[in-house]
Amino acid sequence: MRRARVTTAQAVRAGFLVLLLVAGVVLAVTVDLPSVASLRGWLADAGAWGWVGLVVVSALVTLAPVPRTALSVLAGVLAGFGGGLVVAWASGVLGAAAGFGVARLLGRDTVQRLAGPRLAWADAVLTDRGVLSTLLGRLTPVAPFTLVSYAGGLSGIRFRDHLLGTAIGLVPGTVLHVGVGATVGAAGELGGWTLLASALPFAVVGTVLVVRWLRRRRLTRSAAV
């Protein structure tokens, strides 16, 4: 069976998606982030709208390959545990929705046209188990946040399933990393080893869940055979 050709409009949209990804990488590498002191001063002057702006900006930042762990720790530093938890979780869900929407709008139809039998099968599995697939992606430490968002939009996962899996899957890591930021209290006191140590329990939990899911899936297939 011959695959359908990609139209010019679909190629343009897919190319624009690639350009957005490249631009995000460039910005993540070259742009200098403001200091914690300057952010606190700006938030104090802006009031409630400043915190709304922080959520929106943090969500947009997740469209680039920026480690979300660092954003969650920074939220804890700026707002303490309670406020930081709200900021980090809300911006994560909003960023996941934005990444999903961008990928779905610009690249989904191209993937459908180019998909072979194996990719079509994998797409069908993801569609049927959208919440679980997204949840595992969010709980797996080695899966970049941005990649999971874009992959969800390119696949057949329903938007509501992607949001639900994200909303649940972000809770453990967000609690952990915001807690680190709130405890330390200053970004200047955070080192790479501190961030790594804070991620280890999350990594263990995520790995155990993935292994259990794969084992259960293998047993189900064996029983079916």
N, C-alpha and C. Protein backbone atom coordinates (compact mmCIF):
# COMPACT_ATOMS: atom_id res chain seq x y z
N MET A 1 0.84 -1.19 0.00
CA MET A 1 0.00 0.00 0.00
C MET A 1 0.88 1.25 0.00
N ARG A 2 0.67 2.12 -0.98
CA ARG A 2 1.51 3.29 -1.11
C ARG A 2 1.03 4.40 -0.18
N ARG A 3 1.97 5.07 0.46
CA ARG A 3 1.61 6.13 1.37
C ARG A 3 1.21 7.38 0.60
N ALA A 4 0.29 8.14 1.20
CA ALA A 4 -0.16 9.38 0.57
C ALA A 4 0.95 10.41 0.62
N ARG A 5 0.96 11.26 -0.38
CA ARG A 5 1.96 12.30 -0.43
C ARG A 5 1.58 13.46 0.49
N VAL A 6 2.62 14.14 0.96
CA VAL A 6 2.40 15.31 1.81
C VAL A 6 2.14 16.52 0.92
N THR A 7 1.09 17.25 1.22
CA THR A 7 0.77 18.43 0.43
C THR A 7 1.72 19.57 0.78
N THR A 8 1.71 20.60 -0.04
CA THR A 8 2.57 21.75 0.20
C THR A 8 2.22 22.44 1.52
N ALA A 9 0.94 22.59 1.79
CA ALA A 9 0.51 23.24 3.03
C ALA A 9 0.96 22.45 4.25
N GLN A 10 0.86 21.13 4.18
CA GLN A 10 1.30 20.30 5.30
C GLN A 10 2.81 20.38 5.48
N ALA A 11 3.55 20.41 4.38
CA ALA A 11 5.00 20.54 4.47
C ALA A 11 5.40 21.87 5.09
N VAL A 12 4.68 22.93 4.73
CA VAL A 12 4.97 24.25 5.28
C VAL A 12 4.72 24.27 6.79
N ARG A 13 3.59 23.67 7.22
CA ARG A 13 3.28 23.64 8.65
C ARG A 13 4.30 22.81 9.42
N ALA A 14 4.68 21.68 8.86
CA ALA A 14 5.69 20.85 9.52
C ALA A 14 7.03 21.58 9.59
N GLY A 15 7.39 22.28 8.52
CA GLY A 15 8.63 23.04 8.53
C GLY A 15 8.61 24.15 9.56
N PHE A 16 7.44 24.79 9.73
CA PHE A 16 7.30 25.83 10.73
C PHE A 16 7.46 25.26 12.13
N LEU A 17 6.95 24.05 12.36
CA LEU A 17 7.12 23.40 13.65
C LEU A 17 8.59 23.14 13.94
N VAL A 18 9.33 22.68 12.93
CA VAL A 18 10.77 22.45 13.10
C VAL A 18 11.49 23.76 13.41
N LEU A 19 11.11 24.84 12.72
CA LEU A 19 11.73 26.14 12.98
C LEU A 19 11.45 26.62 14.41
N LEU A 20 10.24 26.36 14.90
CA LEU A 20 9.92 26.73 16.28
C LEU A 20 10.80 25.97 17.27
N LEU A 21 11.02 24.69 16.99
CA LEU A 21 11.86 23.89 17.87
C LEU A 21 13.30 24.40 17.85
N VAL A 22 13.81 24.71 16.67
CA VAL A 22 15.17 25.23 16.56
C VAL A 22 15.29 26.57 17.27
N ALA A 23 14.29 27.45 17.07
CA ALA A 23 14.31 28.75 17.73
C ALA A 23 14.28 28.60 19.25
N GLY A 24 13.51 27.63 19.73
CA GLY A 24 13.47 27.38 21.16
C GLY A 24 14.81 26.93 21.71
N VAL A 25 15.50 26.08 20.96
CA VAL A 25 16.84 25.63 21.38
C VAL A 25 17.80 26.81 21.44
N VAL A 26 17.75 27.66 20.42
CA VAL A 26 18.65 28.82 20.38
C VAL A 26 18.38 29.76 21.54
N LEU A 27 17.11 30.04 21.81
CA LEU A 27 16.77 30.93 22.92
C LEU A 27 17.19 30.34 24.26
N ALA A 28 16.97 29.03 24.42
CA ALA A 28 17.33 28.38 25.69
C ALA A 28 18.82 28.46 25.95
N VAL A 29 19.62 28.44 24.90
CA VAL A 29 21.08 28.45 25.06
C VAL A 29 21.63 29.86 25.21
N THR A 30 21.03 30.83 24.54
CA THR A 30 21.63 32.16 24.45
C THR A 30 21.05 33.19 25.40
N VAL A 31 19.78 33.07 25.77
CA VAL A 31 19.14 34.10 26.59
C VAL A 31 19.55 33.96 28.05
N ASP A 32 19.95 35.06 28.66
CA ASP A 32 20.32 35.08 30.07
C ASP A 32 19.07 35.31 30.92
N LEU A 33 18.88 34.47 31.92
CA LEU A 33 17.72 34.60 32.80
C LEU A 33 17.96 35.68 33.84
N PRO A 34 16.91 36.39 34.25
CA PRO A 34 17.07 37.42 35.29
C PRO A 34 17.38 36.78 36.63
N SER A 35 17.98 37.55 37.51
CA SER A 35 18.33 37.04 38.82
C SER A 35 17.08 36.89 39.69
N VAL A 36 17.23 36.11 40.75
CA VAL A 36 16.11 35.91 41.67
C VAL A 36 15.71 37.22 42.33
N ALA A 37 16.69 38.05 42.68
CA ALA A 37 16.39 39.33 43.33
C ALA A 37 15.57 40.24 42.42
N SER A 38 15.94 40.28 41.13
CA SER A 38 15.19 41.14 40.21
C SER A 38 13.78 40.60 39.97
N LEU A 39 13.64 39.27 39.93
CA LEU A 39 12.31 38.68 39.77
C LEU A 39 11.42 38.98 40.98
N ARG A 40 11.99 38.87 42.16
CA ARG A 40 11.22 39.17 43.37
C ARG A 40 10.78 40.63 43.39
N GLY A 41 11.67 41.53 42.98
CA GLY A 41 11.31 42.94 42.93
C GLY A 41 10.21 43.21 41.93
N TRP A 42 10.30 42.57 40.77
CA TRP A 42 9.27 42.76 39.74
C TRP A 42 7.93 42.21 40.21
N LEU A 43 7.93 41.04 40.86
CA LEU A 43 6.69 40.45 41.35
C LEU A 43 6.06 41.30 42.45
N ALA A 44 6.90 41.89 43.29
CA ALA A 44 6.38 42.75 44.36
C ALA A 44 5.72 44.00 43.79
N ASP A 45 6.28 44.55 42.72
CA ASP A 45 5.72 45.75 42.10
C ASP A 45 4.46 45.43 41.29
N ALA A 46 4.43 44.26 40.65
CA ALA A 46 3.32 43.92 39.75
C ALA A 46 2.10 43.40 40.49
N GLY A 47 2.27 42.89 41.68
CA GLY A 47 1.13 42.39 42.44
C GLY A 47 0.61 41.07 41.89
N ALA A 48 -0.72 40.89 41.96
CA ALA A 48 -1.33 39.61 41.54
C ALA A 48 -1.10 39.34 40.05
N TRP A 49 -1.13 40.39 39.23
CA TRP A 49 -0.92 40.19 37.80
C TRP A 49 0.50 39.71 37.51
N GLY A 50 1.42 40.04 38.38
CA GLY A 50 2.78 39.56 38.20
C GLY A 50 2.87 38.04 38.31
N TRP A 51 2.11 37.48 39.25
CA TRP A 51 2.11 36.03 39.41
C TRP A 51 1.40 35.35 38.24
N VAL A 52 0.34 35.99 37.73
CA VAL A 52 -0.31 35.46 36.53
C VAL A 52 0.66 35.47 35.36
N GLY A 53 1.39 36.57 35.23
CA GLY A 53 2.40 36.66 34.17
C GLY A 53 3.49 35.62 34.33
N LEU A 54 3.88 35.34 35.57
CA LEU A 54 4.91 34.34 35.82
C LEU A 54 4.45 32.95 35.37
N VAL A 55 3.18 32.63 35.63
CA VAL A 55 2.62 31.35 35.19
C VAL A 55 2.64 31.26 33.67
N VAL A 56 2.20 32.32 33.01
CA VAL A 56 2.14 32.32 31.55
C VAL A 56 3.53 32.22 30.94
N VAL A 57 4.47 33.01 31.45
CA VAL A 57 5.83 32.99 30.91
C VAL A 57 6.47 31.63 31.15
N SER A 58 6.28 31.06 32.33
CA SER A 58 6.85 29.73 32.63
C SER A 58 6.27 28.68 31.70
N ALA A 59 4.98 28.80 31.38
CA ALA A 59 4.35 27.86 30.45
C ALA A 59 4.96 28.00 29.06
N LEU A 60 5.17 29.22 28.61
CA LEU A 60 5.77 29.44 27.28
C LEU A 60 7.20 28.93 27.23
N VAL A 61 7.91 29.05 28.34
CA VAL A 61 9.30 28.58 28.38
C VAL A 61 9.37 27.07 28.16
N THR A 62 8.35 26.35 28.61
CA THR A 62 8.37 24.89 28.44
C THR A 62 8.23 24.47 26.98
N LEU A 63 7.89 25.40 26.08
CA LEU A 63 7.86 25.06 24.66
C LEU A 63 9.27 24.90 24.11
N ALA A 64 10.24 25.44 24.79
CA ALA A 64 11.65 25.24 24.44
C ALA A 64 12.20 24.12 25.31
N PRO A 65 13.31 23.51 24.88
CA PRO A 65 13.88 22.40 25.67
C PRO A 65 14.59 22.88 26.93
N VAL A 66 13.82 23.52 27.82
CA VAL A 66 14.36 23.98 29.09
C VAL A 66 13.94 22.99 30.18
N PRO A 67 14.86 22.54 31.03
CA PRO A 67 14.49 21.57 32.08
C PRO A 67 13.40 22.14 32.99
N ARG A 68 12.29 21.44 33.04
CA ARG A 68 11.20 21.93 33.88
C ARG A 68 11.55 21.82 35.37
N THR A 69 12.47 20.95 35.70
CA THR A 69 12.92 20.83 37.09
C THR A 69 13.42 22.17 37.61
N ALA A 70 14.23 22.86 36.79
CA ALA A 70 14.77 24.15 37.20
C ALA A 70 13.67 25.17 37.41
N LEU A 71 12.63 25.15 36.55
CA LEU A 71 11.52 26.08 36.70
C LEU A 71 10.74 25.82 37.98
N SER A 72 10.56 24.55 38.33
CA SER A 72 9.83 24.21 39.55
C SER A 72 10.63 24.63 40.79
N VAL A 73 11.94 24.39 40.76
CA VAL A 73 12.78 24.81 41.89
C VAL A 73 12.74 26.32 42.04
N LEU A 74 12.82 27.03 40.92
CA LEU A 74 12.78 28.50 40.96
C LEU A 74 11.44 28.99 41.51
N ALA A 75 10.34 28.32 41.15
CA ALA A 75 9.03 28.69 41.69
C ALA A 75 9.00 28.55 43.21
N GLY A 76 9.63 27.50 43.71
CA GLY A 76 9.71 27.32 45.16
C GLY A 76 10.54 28.39 45.82
N VAL A 77 11.63 28.80 45.16
CA VAL A 77 12.48 29.86 45.70
C VAL A 77 11.71 31.17 45.77
N LEU A 78 10.95 31.48 44.73
CA LEU A 78 10.26 32.77 44.64
C LEU A 78 9.01 32.84 45.51
N ALA A 79 8.25 31.75 45.57
CA ALA A 79 6.92 31.81 46.19
C ALA A 79 6.76 30.91 47.40
N GLY A 80 7.80 30.21 47.82
CA GLY A 80 7.63 29.27 48.90
C GLY A 80 6.95 28.00 48.42
N PHE A 81 6.64 27.10 49.35
CA PHE A 81 6.12 25.80 48.92
C PHE A 81 4.70 25.90 48.35
N GLY A 82 3.78 26.52 49.10
CA GLY A 82 2.39 26.56 48.64
C GLY A 82 2.22 27.33 47.35
N GLY A 83 2.69 28.57 47.35
CA GLY A 83 2.57 29.39 46.15
C GLY A 83 3.38 28.84 44.99
N GLY A 84 4.57 28.34 45.28
CA GLY A 84 5.41 27.76 44.23
C GLY A 84 4.77 26.53 43.61
N LEU A 85 4.08 25.74 44.43
CA LEU A 85 3.41 24.54 43.92
C LEU A 85 2.31 24.93 42.94
N VAL A 86 1.54 25.95 43.27
CA VAL A 86 0.48 26.41 42.37
C VAL A 86 1.07 26.93 41.07
N VAL A 87 2.11 27.76 41.16
CA VAL A 87 2.73 28.34 39.97
C VAL A 87 3.33 27.26 39.08
N ALA A 88 4.09 26.35 39.68
CA ALA A 88 4.78 25.32 38.89
C ALA A 88 3.80 24.35 38.25
N TRP A 89 2.80 23.91 39.02
CA TRP A 89 1.84 22.95 38.47
C TRP A 89 0.97 23.58 37.38
N ALA A 90 0.46 24.79 37.65
CA ALA A 90 -0.40 25.46 36.67
C ALA A 90 0.37 25.77 35.38
N SER A 91 1.59 26.25 35.51
CA SER A 91 2.39 26.55 34.31
C SER A 91 2.74 25.28 33.56
N GLY A 92 2.94 24.18 34.28
CA GLY A 92 3.23 22.91 33.61
C GLY A 92 2.05 22.41 32.80
N VAL A 93 0.86 22.45 33.38
CA VAL A 93 -0.34 22.01 32.65
C VAL A 93 -0.61 22.92 31.46
N LEU A 94 -0.47 24.23 31.67
CA LEU A 94 -0.69 25.19 30.59
C LEU A 94 0.34 25.01 29.48
N GLY A 95 1.61 24.79 29.86
CA GLY A 95 2.65 24.56 28.87
C GLY A 95 2.44 23.27 28.09
N ALA A 96 1.97 22.23 28.78
CA ALA A 96 1.68 20.97 28.11
C ALA A 96 0.56 21.14 27.10
N ALA A 97 -0.46 21.91 27.46
CA ALA A 97 -1.57 22.17 26.54
C ALA A 97 -1.09 22.95 25.32
N ALA A 98 -0.21 23.94 25.55
CA ALA A 98 0.31 24.74 24.44
C ALA A 98 1.16 23.90 23.50
N GLY A 99 2.07 23.08 24.08
CA GLY A 99 2.92 22.23 23.26
C GLY A 99 2.11 21.22 22.45
N PHE A 100 1.12 20.63 23.10
CA PHE A 100 0.22 19.69 22.41
C PHE A 100 -0.50 20.38 21.26
N GLY A 101 -1.04 21.57 21.52
CA GLY A 101 -1.79 22.28 20.49
C GLY A 101 -0.93 22.68 19.31
N VAL A 102 0.29 23.14 19.57
CA VAL A 102 1.18 23.53 18.48
C VAL A 102 1.52 22.33 17.60
N ALA A 103 1.88 21.21 18.25
CA ALA A 103 2.25 20.01 17.48
C ALA A 103 1.05 19.44 16.73
N ARG A 104 -0.13 19.46 17.34
CA ARG A 104 -1.32 18.94 16.69
C ARG A 104 -1.69 19.79 15.47
N LEU A 105 -1.58 21.09 15.62
CA LEU A 105 -1.95 22.00 14.54
C LEU A 105 -0.97 21.94 13.38
N LEU A 106 0.32 21.83 13.68
CA LEU A 106 1.33 21.97 12.64
C LEU A 106 1.84 20.65 12.07
N GLY A 107 1.74 19.56 12.85
CA GLY A 107 2.40 18.35 12.39
C GLY A 107 1.59 17.07 12.36
N ARG A 108 0.41 17.06 12.95
CA ARG A 108 -0.35 15.81 13.07
C ARG A 108 -0.75 15.24 11.71
N ASP A 109 -1.27 16.09 10.82
CA ASP A 109 -1.73 15.57 9.53
C ASP A 109 -0.57 15.05 8.68
N THR A 110 0.60 15.66 8.83
CA THR A 110 1.78 15.17 8.11
C THR A 110 2.19 13.79 8.61
N VAL A 111 2.16 13.59 9.92
CA VAL A 111 2.50 12.28 10.50
C VAL A 111 1.51 11.23 10.01
N GLN A 112 0.24 11.58 9.95
CA GLN A 112 -0.77 10.62 9.48
C GLN A 112 -0.51 10.19 8.04
N ARG A 113 -0.11 11.12 7.20
CA ARG A 113 0.13 10.78 5.80
C ARG A 113 1.39 9.94 5.61
N LEU A 114 2.39 10.19 6.45
CA LEU A 114 3.66 9.47 6.30
C LEU A 114 3.71 8.17 7.10
N ALA A 115 2.71 7.94 7.93
CA ALA A 115 2.75 6.79 8.83
C ALA A 115 2.65 5.47 8.06
N GLY A 116 3.55 4.56 8.40
CA GLY A 116 3.48 3.21 7.88
C GLY A 116 2.65 2.34 8.82
N PRO A 117 2.58 1.03 8.55
CA PRO A 117 1.77 0.14 9.39
C PRO A 117 2.20 0.14 10.86
N ARG A 118 3.52 0.11 11.12
CA ARG A 118 3.98 0.06 12.51
C ARG A 118 3.66 1.35 13.24
N LEU A 119 3.89 2.48 12.60
CA LEU A 119 3.60 3.74 13.23
C LEU A 119 2.10 3.91 13.44
N ALA A 120 1.31 3.43 12.49
CA ALA A 120 -0.14 3.51 12.64
C ALA A 120 -0.61 2.65 13.81
N TRP A 121 0.02 1.48 14.00
CA TRP A 121 -0.34 0.63 15.13
C TRP A 121 0.01 1.30 16.46
N ALA A 122 1.21 1.87 16.52
CA ALA A 122 1.63 2.56 17.74
C ALA A 122 0.72 3.75 18.03
N ASP A 123 0.30 4.44 16.97
CA ASP A 123 -0.58 5.59 17.13
C ASP A 123 -1.93 5.15 17.68
N ALA A 124 -2.42 4.01 17.22
CA ALA A 124 -3.70 3.50 17.71
C ALA A 124 -3.61 3.11 19.18
N VAL A 125 -2.48 2.52 19.58
CA VAL A 125 -2.28 2.15 20.99
C VAL A 125 -2.27 3.40 21.87
N LEU A 126 -1.55 4.43 21.43
CA LEU A 126 -1.50 5.67 22.19
C LEU A 126 -2.87 6.32 22.30
N THR A 127 -3.63 6.25 21.22
CA THR A 127 -4.96 6.84 21.23
C THR A 127 -5.87 6.14 22.23
N ASP A 128 -5.80 4.81 22.28
CA ASP A 128 -6.64 4.04 23.19
C ASP A 128 -6.22 4.20 24.65
N ARG A 129 -4.93 4.44 24.87
CA ARG A 129 -4.41 4.54 26.24
C ARG A 129 -3.75 5.90 26.44
N GLY A 130 -4.46 6.94 26.07
CA GLY A 130 -3.89 8.28 26.10
C GLY A 130 -3.50 8.75 27.48
N VAL A 131 -4.38 8.54 28.46
CA VAL A 131 -4.10 8.99 29.82
C VAL A 131 -2.90 8.25 30.39
N LEU A 132 -2.88 6.92 30.23
CA LEU A 132 -1.78 6.12 30.76
C LEU A 132 -0.47 6.45 30.07
N SER A 133 -0.50 6.61 28.75
CA SER A 133 0.73 6.92 28.01
C SER A 133 1.31 8.26 28.45
N THR A 134 0.44 9.26 28.58
CA THR A 134 0.90 10.58 29.02
C THR A 134 1.39 10.54 30.46
N LEU A 135 0.68 9.81 31.30
CA LEU A 135 1.07 9.69 32.70
C LEU A 135 2.46 9.07 32.83
N LEU A 136 2.71 8.00 32.09
CA LEU A 136 4.03 7.37 32.13
C LEU A 136 5.11 8.30 31.60
N GLY A 137 4.77 9.05 30.55
CA GLY A 137 5.73 10.01 30.02
C GLY A 137 6.09 11.08 31.03
N ARG A 138 5.11 11.55 31.77
CA ARG A 138 5.37 12.59 32.77
C ARG A 138 6.11 12.04 33.99
N LEU A 139 5.89 10.77 34.31
CA LEU A 139 6.54 10.19 35.48
C LEU A 139 7.94 9.66 35.18
N THR A 140 8.29 9.52 33.91
CA THR A 140 9.61 9.00 33.54
C THR A 140 10.61 10.15 33.51
N PRO A 141 11.61 10.15 34.39
CA PRO A 141 12.53 11.29 34.49
C PRO A 141 13.34 11.54 33.22
N VAL A 142 13.63 10.49 32.45
CA VAL A 142 14.46 10.67 31.26
C VAL A 142 13.68 11.22 30.08
N ALA A 143 12.36 11.34 30.20
CA ALA A 143 11.53 11.86 29.11
C ALA A 143 11.40 13.36 29.26
N PRO A 144 11.99 14.16 28.36
CA PRO A 144 11.90 15.62 28.48
C PRO A 144 10.45 16.09 28.42
N PHE A 145 10.14 17.08 29.23
CA PHE A 145 8.78 17.61 29.30
C PHE A 145 8.29 18.07 27.94
N THR A 146 9.15 18.83 27.23
CA THR A 146 8.77 19.36 25.93
C THR A 146 8.50 18.25 24.93
N LEU A 147 9.33 17.22 24.94
CA LEU A 147 9.17 16.12 24.00
C LEU A 147 7.85 15.39 24.21
N VAL A 148 7.47 15.15 25.46
CA VAL A 148 6.21 14.47 25.74
C VAL A 148 5.03 15.31 25.25
N SER A 149 5.10 16.62 25.42
CA SER A 149 4.01 17.49 24.97
C SER A 149 3.87 17.44 23.45
N TYR A 150 4.99 17.59 22.74
CA TYR A 150 4.94 17.58 21.28
C TYR A 150 4.55 16.20 20.75
N ALA A 151 5.07 15.16 21.37
CA ALA A 151 4.74 13.80 20.92
C ALA A 151 3.25 13.52 21.08
N GLY A 152 2.66 14.03 22.16
CA GLY A 152 1.22 13.86 22.35
C GLY A 152 0.42 14.51 21.24
N GLY A 153 0.84 15.72 20.84
CA GLY A 153 0.13 16.41 19.77
C GLY A 153 0.31 15.75 18.42
N LEU A 154 1.47 15.16 18.17
CA LEU A 154 1.72 14.48 16.89
C LEU A 154 1.02 13.14 16.82
N SER A 155 0.73 12.54 17.98
CA SER A 155 0.05 11.25 18.01
C SER A 155 -1.46 11.46 18.00
N GLY A 156 -2.20 10.36 18.14
CA GLY A 156 -3.64 10.44 18.14
C GLY A 156 -4.26 10.60 19.52
N ILE A 157 -3.45 10.87 20.53
CA ILE A 157 -3.97 11.04 21.89
C ILE A 157 -4.95 12.21 21.93
N ARG A 158 -6.06 12.00 22.60
CA ARG A 158 -7.04 13.07 22.72
C ARG A 158 -6.54 14.16 23.67
N PHE A 159 -6.94 15.38 23.40
CA PHE A 159 -6.46 16.51 24.19
C PHE A 159 -6.81 16.36 25.67
N ARG A 160 -8.04 15.95 25.96
CA ARG A 160 -8.45 15.81 27.35
C ARG A 160 -7.65 14.72 28.06
N ASP A 161 -7.32 13.63 27.35
CA ASP A 161 -6.50 12.57 27.94
C ASP A 161 -5.09 13.06 28.23
N HIS A 162 -4.57 13.86 27.31
CA HIS A 162 -3.23 14.41 27.51
C HIS A 162 -3.20 15.34 28.72
N LEU A 163 -4.21 16.18 28.86
CA LEU A 163 -4.25 17.10 30.00
C LEU A 163 -4.43 16.35 31.31
N LEU A 164 -5.29 15.32 31.32
CA LEU A 164 -5.52 14.57 32.55
C LEU A 164 -4.25 13.83 32.97
N GLY A 165 -3.60 13.14 32.02
CA GLY A 165 -2.37 12.44 32.34
C GLY A 165 -1.28 13.39 32.81
N THR A 166 -1.23 14.59 32.21
CA THR A 166 -0.25 15.58 32.62
C THR A 166 -0.54 16.12 34.01
N ALA A 167 -1.81 16.45 34.25
CA ALA A 167 -2.19 17.02 35.54
C ALA A 167 -1.85 16.09 36.70
N ILE A 168 -2.05 14.79 36.50
CA ILE A 168 -1.74 13.82 37.55
C ILE A 168 -0.24 13.54 37.60
N GLY A 169 0.36 13.36 36.43
CA GLY A 169 1.76 12.97 36.39
C GLY A 169 2.73 14.04 36.86
N LEU A 170 2.33 15.30 36.82
CA LEU A 170 3.23 16.38 37.25
C LEU A 170 3.29 16.53 38.77
N VAL A 171 2.32 15.97 39.47
CA VAL A 171 2.23 16.22 40.91
C VAL A 171 3.46 15.75 41.68
N PRO A 172 3.91 14.48 41.54
CA PRO A 172 5.04 14.04 42.38
C PRO A 172 6.30 14.86 42.17
N GLY A 173 6.70 15.05 40.91
CA GLY A 173 7.92 15.79 40.64
C GLY A 173 7.81 17.25 41.03
N THR A 174 6.64 17.86 40.82
CA THR A 174 6.45 19.26 41.18
C THR A 174 6.55 19.46 42.68
N VAL A 175 5.92 18.58 43.45
CA VAL A 175 6.00 18.66 44.91
C VAL A 175 7.45 18.55 45.37
N LEU A 176 8.17 17.61 44.79
CA LEU A 176 9.55 17.37 45.18
C LEU A 176 10.45 18.56 44.87
N HIS A 177 10.39 19.06 43.65
CA HIS A 177 11.32 20.10 43.23
C HIS A 177 10.96 21.47 43.80
N VAL A 178 9.65 21.75 43.92
CA VAL A 178 9.26 23.00 44.58
C VAL A 178 9.68 22.96 46.04
N GLY A 179 9.58 21.80 46.66
CA GLY A 179 10.02 21.67 48.04
C GLY A 179 11.50 21.95 48.20
N VAL A 180 12.30 21.50 47.24
CA VAL A 180 13.74 21.80 47.28
C VAL A 180 13.97 23.30 47.19
N GLY A 181 13.28 23.95 46.24
CA GLY A 181 13.46 25.40 46.10
C GLY A 181 13.01 26.16 47.32
N ALA A 182 11.88 25.77 47.90
CA ALA A 182 11.36 26.46 49.08
C ALA A 182 12.28 26.25 50.29
N THR A 183 12.89 25.07 50.39
CA THR A 183 13.77 24.78 51.53
C THR A 183 15.08 25.54 51.43
N VAL A 184 15.67 25.52 50.26
CA VAL A 184 16.95 26.20 50.10
C VAL A 184 16.75 27.71 50.15
N GLY A 185 15.71 28.20 49.44
CA GLY A 185 15.34 29.59 49.58
C GLY A 185 16.05 30.58 48.69
N ALA A 186 17.09 30.16 47.96
CA ALA A 186 17.81 31.10 47.10
C ALA A 186 18.43 30.33 45.96
N ALA A 187 18.24 30.80 44.73
CA ALA A 187 18.77 30.09 43.57
C ALA A 187 20.27 30.03 43.59
N GLY A 188 20.92 31.02 44.18
CA GLY A 188 22.38 31.03 44.21
C GLY A 188 22.95 29.92 45.05
N GLU A 189 22.16 29.35 45.95
CA GLU A 189 22.64 28.28 46.81
C GLU A 189 22.38 26.91 46.23
N LEU A 190 21.77 26.85 45.05
CA LEU A 190 21.45 25.57 44.43
C LEU A 190 22.56 25.16 43.49
N GLY A 191 23.08 23.99 43.69
CA GLY A 191 24.10 23.47 42.80
C GLY A 191 23.58 22.30 41.99
N GLY A 192 24.35 21.87 41.01
CA GLY A 192 23.92 20.77 40.17
C GLY A 192 23.69 19.50 40.95
N TRP A 193 24.55 19.25 41.96
CA TRP A 193 24.38 18.02 42.75
C TRP A 193 23.11 18.06 43.58
N THR A 194 22.71 19.26 44.01
CA THR A 194 21.45 19.37 44.76
C THR A 194 20.26 19.00 43.89
N LEU A 195 20.25 19.51 42.66
CA LEU A 195 19.16 19.19 41.75
C LEU A 195 19.16 17.71 41.40
N LEU A 196 20.34 17.14 41.21
CA LEU A 196 20.42 15.72 40.88
C LEU A 196 19.90 14.87 42.03
N ALA A 197 20.30 15.20 43.25
CA ALA A 197 19.85 14.44 44.41
C ALA A 197 18.34 14.53 44.58
N SER A 198 17.78 15.71 44.30
CA SER A 198 16.33 15.88 44.44
C SER A 198 15.56 15.07 43.42
N ALA A 199 16.17 14.79 42.29
CA ALA A 199 15.48 14.06 41.23
C ALA A 199 15.57 12.55 41.40
N LEU A 200 16.48 12.07 42.23
CA LEU A 200 16.69 10.63 42.34
C LEU A 200 15.46 9.87 42.83
N PRO A 201 14.80 10.30 43.92
CA PRO A 201 13.59 9.56 44.33
C PRO A 201 12.53 9.53 43.25
N PHE A 202 12.33 10.65 42.57
CA PHE A 202 11.37 10.72 41.47
C PHE A 202 11.76 9.76 40.36
N ALA A 203 13.06 9.67 40.08
CA ALA A 203 13.54 8.76 39.04
C ALA A 203 13.25 7.31 39.41
N VAL A 204 13.45 6.97 40.67
CA VAL A 204 13.21 5.59 41.11
C VAL A 204 11.74 5.24 40.97
N VAL A 205 10.86 6.14 41.44
CA VAL A 205 9.42 5.88 41.37
C VAL A 205 8.98 5.74 39.92
N GLY A 206 9.44 6.64 39.06
CA GLY A 206 9.06 6.57 37.65
C GLY A 206 9.54 5.30 36.99
N THR A 207 10.77 4.88 37.29
CA THR A 207 11.31 3.66 36.71
C THR A 207 10.52 2.43 37.15
N VAL A 208 10.17 2.38 38.42
CA VAL A 208 9.39 1.24 38.94
C VAL A 208 8.04 1.16 38.25
N LEU A 209 7.38 2.31 38.07
CA LEU A 209 6.07 2.32 37.41
C LEU A 209 6.17 1.85 35.97
N VAL A 210 7.19 2.31 35.26
CA VAL A 210 7.37 1.90 33.87
C VAL A 210 7.62 0.40 33.77
N VAL A 211 8.49 -0.12 34.63
CA VAL A 211 8.81 -1.55 34.61
C VAL A 211 7.57 -2.37 34.90
N ARG A 212 6.78 -1.96 35.88
CA ARG A 212 5.56 -2.70 36.22
C ARG A 212 4.57 -2.69 35.06
N TRP A 213 4.45 -1.53 34.40
CA TRP A 213 3.53 -1.45 33.26
C TRP A 213 3.98 -2.34 32.12
N LEU A 214 5.28 -2.35 31.81
CA LEU A 214 5.79 -3.20 30.75
C LEU A 214 5.61 -4.68 31.07
N ARG A 215 5.83 -5.04 32.33
CA ARG A 215 5.68 -6.44 32.72
C ARG A 215 4.22 -6.87 32.63
N ARG A 216 3.32 -6.01 33.08
CA ARG A 216 1.90 -6.33 33.00
C ARG A 216 1.44 -6.45 31.55
N ARG A 217 1.98 -5.58 30.69
CA ARG A 217 1.64 -5.65 29.27
C ARG A 217 2.12 -6.93 28.65
N ARG A 218 3.33 -7.37 29.02
CA ARG A 218 3.87 -8.62 28.47
C ARG A 218 3.04 -9.81 28.93
N LEU A 219 2.62 -9.80 30.21
CA LEU A 219 1.80 -10.90 30.72
C LEU A 219 0.45 -10.94 30.02
N THR A 220 -0.11 -9.75 29.75
CA THR A 220 -1.40 -9.70 29.05
C THR A 220 -1.29 -10.28 27.65
N ARG A 221 -0.21 -9.93 26.95
CA ARG A 221 -0.01 -10.48 25.61
C ARG A 221 0.19 -11.99 25.63
N SER A 222 0.94 -12.47 26.61
CA SER A 222 1.17 -13.91 26.72
C SER A 222 -0.13 -14.65 26.97
N ALA A 223 -0.97 -14.08 27.83
CA ALA A 223 -2.25 -14.71 28.11
C ALA A 223 -3.15 -14.73 26.87
N ALA A 224 -3.09 -13.64 26.09
CA ALA A 224 -3.89 -13.59 24.87
C ALA A 224 -3.44 -14.62 23.85
N VAL A 225 -2.13 -14.81 23.75
CA VAL A 225 -1.60 -15.81 22.81
C VAL A 225 -1.96 -17.21 23.26
